[in-house]
Amino acid sequence: MKSKELKVYNLPLNFKPIILIDAKPHVWLLAFALLGVILCINKSTLSYGIYTIVLSITFLLFMPRLVMLEFYDDYMVMHNKANKSECVMIYYEDIVSWHYSRNPNKDYLFIELEDGRVEKIEAFSKQSYESAMNRFVKDKKRKSHK
């Protein structure tokens, strides 16, 4: 089994991720900026529009980027650890099964490895996580028993 926990600075630097899942809500922030532009058309909502634009642009520029998962040709990297300098490199061949779990408070992506270890990461978008996992390890999605 090649999957392991390692320091972020030990990741290979010569590859770019094919898919990157980021927790920063770029699309929503751009949508709010557009809403602000629409609000600026009417003089009675001009101040709300300017406020919305400034707030959206501020968050886009200054909100830190939080990379959750990176997908490469042969492996994926999980970054959401308590210590941000550590990550988990998981080779697709080491994955036994995976599933996305929705809960009232938090969603999680669970990945079961060959050695019996289960890695989990907080999730925020079932569609983005499942589409990425289906692209690289589709045949290993755990069937739900209902």
C-alpha atoms as a PDB file:
ATOM      1  CA  MET A   1       0.000   0.000   0.000  1.00  0.00           C
ATOM      2  CA  LYS A   2       1.478   3.309  -1.120  1.00  0.00           C
ATOM      3  CA  SER A   3      -0.961   5.755   0.524  1.00  0.00           C
ATOM      4  CA  LYS A   4       0.498   7.734   3.419  1.00  0.00           C
ATOM      5  CA  GLU A   5       0.284  10.809   5.598  1.00  0.00           C
ATOM      6  CA  LEU A   6       2.975  13.374   4.851  1.00  0.00           C
ATOM      7  CA  LYS A   7       3.955  17.003   5.135  1.00  0.00           C
ATOM      8  CA  VAL A   8       2.575  19.337   2.466  1.00  0.00           C
ATOM      9  CA  TYR A   9       6.085  20.458   1.487  1.00  0.00           C
ATOM     10  CA  ASN A  10       6.932  16.827   0.591  1.00  0.00           C
ATOM     11  CA  LEU A  11       4.260  16.632  -2.136  1.00  0.00           C
ATOM     12  CA  PRO A  12       5.579  16.294  -5.696  1.00  0.00           C
ATOM     13  CA  LEU A  13       5.767  19.767  -7.235  1.00  0.00           C
ATOM     14  CA  ASN A  14       6.131  18.737 -10.866  1.00  0.00           C
ATOM     15  CA  PHE A  15       2.419  17.900 -11.340  1.00  0.00           C
ATOM     16  CA  LYS A  16      -0.635  20.134 -11.504  1.00  0.00           C
ATOM     17  CA  PRO A  17      -3.939  18.824 -10.132  1.00  0.00           C
ATOM     18  CA  ILE A  18      -6.541  17.743 -12.662  1.00  0.00           C
ATOM     19  CA  ILE A  19      -9.371  18.660 -10.281  1.00  0.00           C
ATOM     20  CA  LEU A  20      -9.091  20.872  -7.218  1.00  0.00           C
ATOM     21  CA  ILE A  21     -11.906  21.195  -4.668  1.00  0.00           C
ATOM     22  CA  ASP A  22     -11.717  24.480  -2.811  1.00  0.00           C
ATOM     23  CA  ALA A  23     -13.950  25.559   0.095  1.00  0.00           C
ATOM     24  CA  LYS A  24     -13.928  29.219  -0.963  1.00  0.00           C
ATOM     25  CA  PRO A  25     -17.331  29.900  -2.589  1.00  0.00           C
ATOM     26  CA  HIS A  26     -16.140  31.695  -5.748  1.00  0.00           C
ATOM     27  CA  VAL A  27     -19.394  31.265  -7.677  1.00  0.00           C
ATOM     28  CA  TRP A  28     -21.577  32.568  -4.841  1.00  0.00           C
ATOM     29  CA  LEU A  29     -19.340  35.571  -4.251  1.00  0.00           C
ATOM     30  CA  LEU A  30     -19.410  36.460  -7.943  1.00  0.00           C
ATOM     31  CA  ALA A  31     -23.202  36.016  -7.972  1.00  0.00           C
ATOM     32  CA  PHE A  32     -23.529  38.444  -5.040  1.00  0.00           C
ATOM     33  CA  ALA A  33     -21.294  40.948  -6.836  1.00  0.00           C
ATOM     34  CA  LEU A  34     -23.564  40.670  -9.886  1.00  0.00           C
ATOM     35  CA  LEU A  35     -26.594  41.136  -7.632  1.00  0.00           C
ATOM     36  CA  GLY A  36     -24.948  44.298  -6.309  1.00  0.00           C
ATOM     37  CA  VAL A  37     -24.532  45.594  -9.862  1.00  0.00           C
ATOM     38  CA  ILE A  38     -28.234  44.917 -10.529  1.00  0.00           C
ATOM     39  CA  LEU A  39     -29.186  46.709  -7.305  1.00  0.00           C
ATOM     40  CA  CYS A  40     -27.160  49.764  -8.395  1.00  0.00           C
ATOM     41  CA  ILE A  41     -29.470  50.276 -11.398  1.00  0.00           C
ATOM     42  CA  ASN A  42     -32.261  51.618  -9.188  1.00  0.00           C
ATOM     43  CA  LYS A  43     -31.445  54.772  -7.192  1.00  0.00           C
ATOM     44  CA  SER A  44     -33.494  53.601  -4.189  1.00  0.00           C
ATOM     45  CA  THR A  45     -31.298  50.471  -3.799  1.00  0.00           C
ATOM     46  CA  LEU A  46     -27.994  52.081  -4.848  1.00  0.00           C
ATOM     47  CA  SER A  47     -26.492  51.987  -1.347  1.00  0.00           C
ATOM     48  CA  TYR A  48     -27.408  48.286  -0.933  1.00  0.00           C
ATOM     49  CA  GLY A  49     -25.867  47.549  -4.315  1.00  0.00           C
ATOM     50  CA  ILE A  50     -22.601  49.287  -3.500  1.00  0.00           C
ATOM     51  CA  TYR A  51     -22.465  47.564  -0.106  1.00  0.00           C
ATOM     52  CA  THR A  52     -23.061  44.154  -1.733  1.00  0.00           C
ATOM     53  CA  ILE A  53     -20.392  44.736  -4.384  1.00  0.00           C
ATOM     54  CA  VAL A  54     -17.785  45.929  -1.870  1.00  0.00           C
ATOM     55  CA  LEU A  55     -18.496  43.031   0.485  1.00  0.00           C
ATOM     56  CA  SER A  56     -18.334  40.419  -2.296  1.00  0.00           C
ATOM     57  CA  ILE A  57     -15.114  41.783  -3.782  1.00  0.00           C
ATOM     58  CA  THR A  58     -13.547  42.016  -0.312  1.00  0.00           C
ATOM     59  CA  PHE A  59     -14.326  38.359   0.377  1.00  0.00           C
ATOM     60  CA  LEU A  60     -13.048  37.329  -3.061  1.00  0.00           C
ATOM     61  CA  LEU A  61      -9.766  39.120  -2.515  1.00  0.00           C
ATOM     62  CA  PHE A  62      -9.072  38.573   1.167  1.00  0.00           C
ATOM     63  CA  MET A  63     -10.866  35.380   2.220  1.00  0.00           C
ATOM     64  CA  PRO A  64      -8.216  32.667   2.446  1.00  0.00           C
ATOM     65  CA  ARG A  65      -8.337  29.824  -0.033  1.00  0.00           C
ATOM     66  CA  LEU A  66      -8.892  26.445   1.606  1.00  0.00           C
ATOM     67  CA  VAL A  67      -7.986  23.550  -0.665  1.00  0.00           C
ATOM     68  CA  MET A  68      -9.781  20.408   0.495  1.00  0.00           C
ATOM     69  CA  LEU A  69      -8.906  17.822  -2.192  1.00  0.00           C
ATOM     70  CA  GLU A  70      -6.588  17.648  -5.165  1.00  0.00           C
ATOM     71  CA  PHE A  71      -6.974  14.934  -7.798  1.00  0.00           C
ATOM     72  CA  TYR A  72      -4.054  13.775  -9.935  1.00  0.00           C
ATOM     73  CA  ASP A  73      -3.688  10.935 -12.457  1.00  0.00           C
ATOM     74  CA  ASP A  74      -2.673   8.244  -9.939  1.00  0.00           C
ATOM     75  CA  TYR A  75      -3.526   9.661  -6.528  1.00  0.00           C
ATOM     76  CA  MET A  76      -5.492  12.250  -4.574  1.00  0.00           C
ATOM     77  CA  VAL A  77      -4.390  14.543  -1.756  1.00  0.00           C
ATOM     78  CA  MET A  78      -6.579  15.342   1.275  1.00  0.00           C
ATOM     79  CA  HIS A  79      -5.699  18.630   2.952  1.00  0.00           C
ATOM     80  CA  ASN A  80      -8.377  19.105   5.602  1.00  0.00           C
ATOM     81  CA  LYS A  81      -6.399  18.114   8.669  1.00  0.00           C
ATOM     82  CA  ALA A  82      -6.119  19.821  12.047  1.00  0.00           C
ATOM     83  CA  ASN A  83      -2.510  20.608  11.213  1.00  0.00           C
ATOM     84  CA  LYS A  84      -2.548  22.476   7.883  1.00  0.00           C
ATOM     85  CA  SER A  85       1.066  21.518   7.176  1.00  0.00           C
ATOM     86  CA  GLU A  86       0.077  17.837   6.900  1.00  0.00           C
ATOM     87  CA  CYS A  87      -1.961  16.015   4.284  1.00  0.00           C
ATOM     88  CA  VAL A  88      -2.836  12.493   3.194  1.00  0.00           C
ATOM     89  CA  MET A  89      -1.787  11.159  -0.205  1.00  0.00           C
ATOM     90  CA  ILE A  90      -4.151   8.384  -1.279  1.00  0.00           C
ATOM     91  CA  TYR A  91      -3.436   6.272  -4.342  1.00  0.00           C
ATOM     92  CA  TYR A  92      -6.572   5.215  -6.207  1.00  0.00           C
ATOM     93  CA  GLU A  93      -5.427   1.593  -6.225  1.00  0.00           C
ATOM     94  CA  ASP A  94      -5.444   1.585  -2.386  1.00  0.00           C
ATOM     95  CA  ILE A  95      -9.107   2.627  -2.137  1.00  0.00           C
ATOM     96  CA  VAL A  96     -11.504  -0.195  -1.267  1.00  0.00           C
ATOM     97  CA  SER A  97     -14.655   1.955  -1.168  1.00  0.00           C
ATOM     98  CA  TRP A  98     -15.886   5.484  -0.671  1.00  0.00           C
ATOM     99  CA  HIS A  99     -19.169   7.164   0.165  1.00  0.00           C
ATOM    100  CA  TYR A 100     -20.583  10.614   0.800  1.00  0.00           C
ATOM    101  CA  SER A 101     -22.532  11.010   4.036  1.00  0.00           C
ATOM    102  CA  ARG A 102     -25.014  13.829   4.634  1.00  0.00           C
ATOM    103  CA  ASN A 103     -25.671  14.839   8.223  1.00  0.00           C
ATOM    104  CA  PRO A 104     -27.682  17.721   9.703  1.00  0.00           C
ATOM    105  CA  ASN A 105     -24.558  19.526  10.953  1.00  0.00           C
ATOM    106  CA  LYS A 106     -21.762  18.463   8.586  1.00  0.00           C
ATOM    107  CA  ASP A 107     -21.279  16.342   5.490  1.00  0.00           C
ATOM    108  CA  TYR A 108     -18.331  13.975   5.147  1.00  0.00           C
ATOM    109  CA  LEU A 109     -16.579  12.019   2.439  1.00  0.00           C
ATOM    110  CA  PHE A 110     -15.389   8.656   3.784  1.00  0.00           C
ATOM    111  CA  ILE A 111     -12.655   6.687   2.018  1.00  0.00           C
ATOM    112  CA  GLU A 112     -11.860   3.138   3.143  1.00  0.00           C
ATOM    113  CA  LEU A 113      -8.333   1.945   2.362  1.00  0.00           C
ATOM    114  CA  GLU A 114      -6.889  -1.540   1.871  1.00  0.00           C
ATOM    115  CA  ASP A 115      -5.280  -1.612   5.326  1.00  0.00           C
ATOM    116  CA  GLY A 116      -8.687  -1.034   6.981  1.00  0.00           C
ATOM    117  CA  ARG A 117      -8.053   2.621   7.728  1.00  0.00           C
ATOM    118  CA  VAL A 118     -10.886   5.050   6.988  1.00  0.00           C
ATOM    119  CA  GLU A 119      -9.993   8.591   5.983  1.00  0.00           C
ATOM    120  CA  LYS A 120     -12.703  11.223   6.234  1.00  0.00           C
ATOM    121  CA  ILE A 121     -12.884  14.811   5.167  1.00  0.00           C
ATOM    122  CA  GLU A 122     -15.494  17.474   5.833  1.00  0.00           C
ATOM    123  CA  ALA A 123     -17.498  18.131   2.723  1.00  0.00           C
ATOM    124  CA  PHE A 124     -19.754  20.924   1.537  1.00  0.00           C
ATOM    125  CA  SER A 125     -21.020  19.953  -1.920  1.00  0.00           C
ATOM    126  CA  LYS A 126     -22.193  16.445  -2.686  1.00  0.00           C
ATOM    127  CA  GLN A 127     -22.173  17.153  -6.405  1.00  0.00           C
ATOM    128  CA  SER A 128     -18.560  18.355  -6.628  1.00  0.00           C
ATOM    129  CA  TYR A 129     -17.165  15.618  -4.373  1.00  0.00           C
ATOM    130  CA  GLU A 130     -19.108  12.795  -6.014  1.00  0.00           C
ATOM    131  CA  SER A 131     -18.392  13.935  -9.563  1.00  0.00           C
ATOM    132  CA  ALA A 132     -14.650  14.063  -8.843  1.00  0.00           C
ATOM    133  CA  MET A 133     -14.667  10.693  -7.071  1.00  0.00           C
ATOM    134  CA  ASN A 134     -16.751   9.133  -9.855  1.00  0.00           C
ATOM    135  CA  ARG A 135     -14.236  10.343 -12.400  1.00  0.00           C
ATOM    136  CA  PHE A 136     -11.272   8.656 -10.710  1.00  0.00           C
ATOM    137  CA  VAL A 137     -12.701   5.760  -8.632  1.00  0.00           C
ATOM    138  CA  LYS A 138     -16.233   5.258  -9.922  1.00  0.00           C
ATOM    139  CA  ASP A 139     -16.249   1.492  -9.533  1.00  0.00           C
ATOM    140  CA  LYS A 140     -15.448   1.759  -5.807  1.00  0.00           C
ATOM    141  CA  LYS A 141     -18.445   3.780  -4.641  1.00  0.00           C
ATOM    142  CA  ARG A 142     -20.117   1.968  -1.754  1.00  0.00           C
ATOM    143  CA  LYS A 143     -23.657   0.912  -2.474  1.00  0.00           C
ATOM    144  CA  SER A 144     -26.122   2.312   0.050  1.00  0.00           C
ATOM    145  CA  HIS A 145     -28.243  -0.224   1.862  1.00  0.00           C
ATOM    146  CA  LYS A 146     -31.674   1.281   2.546  1.00  0.00           C
END
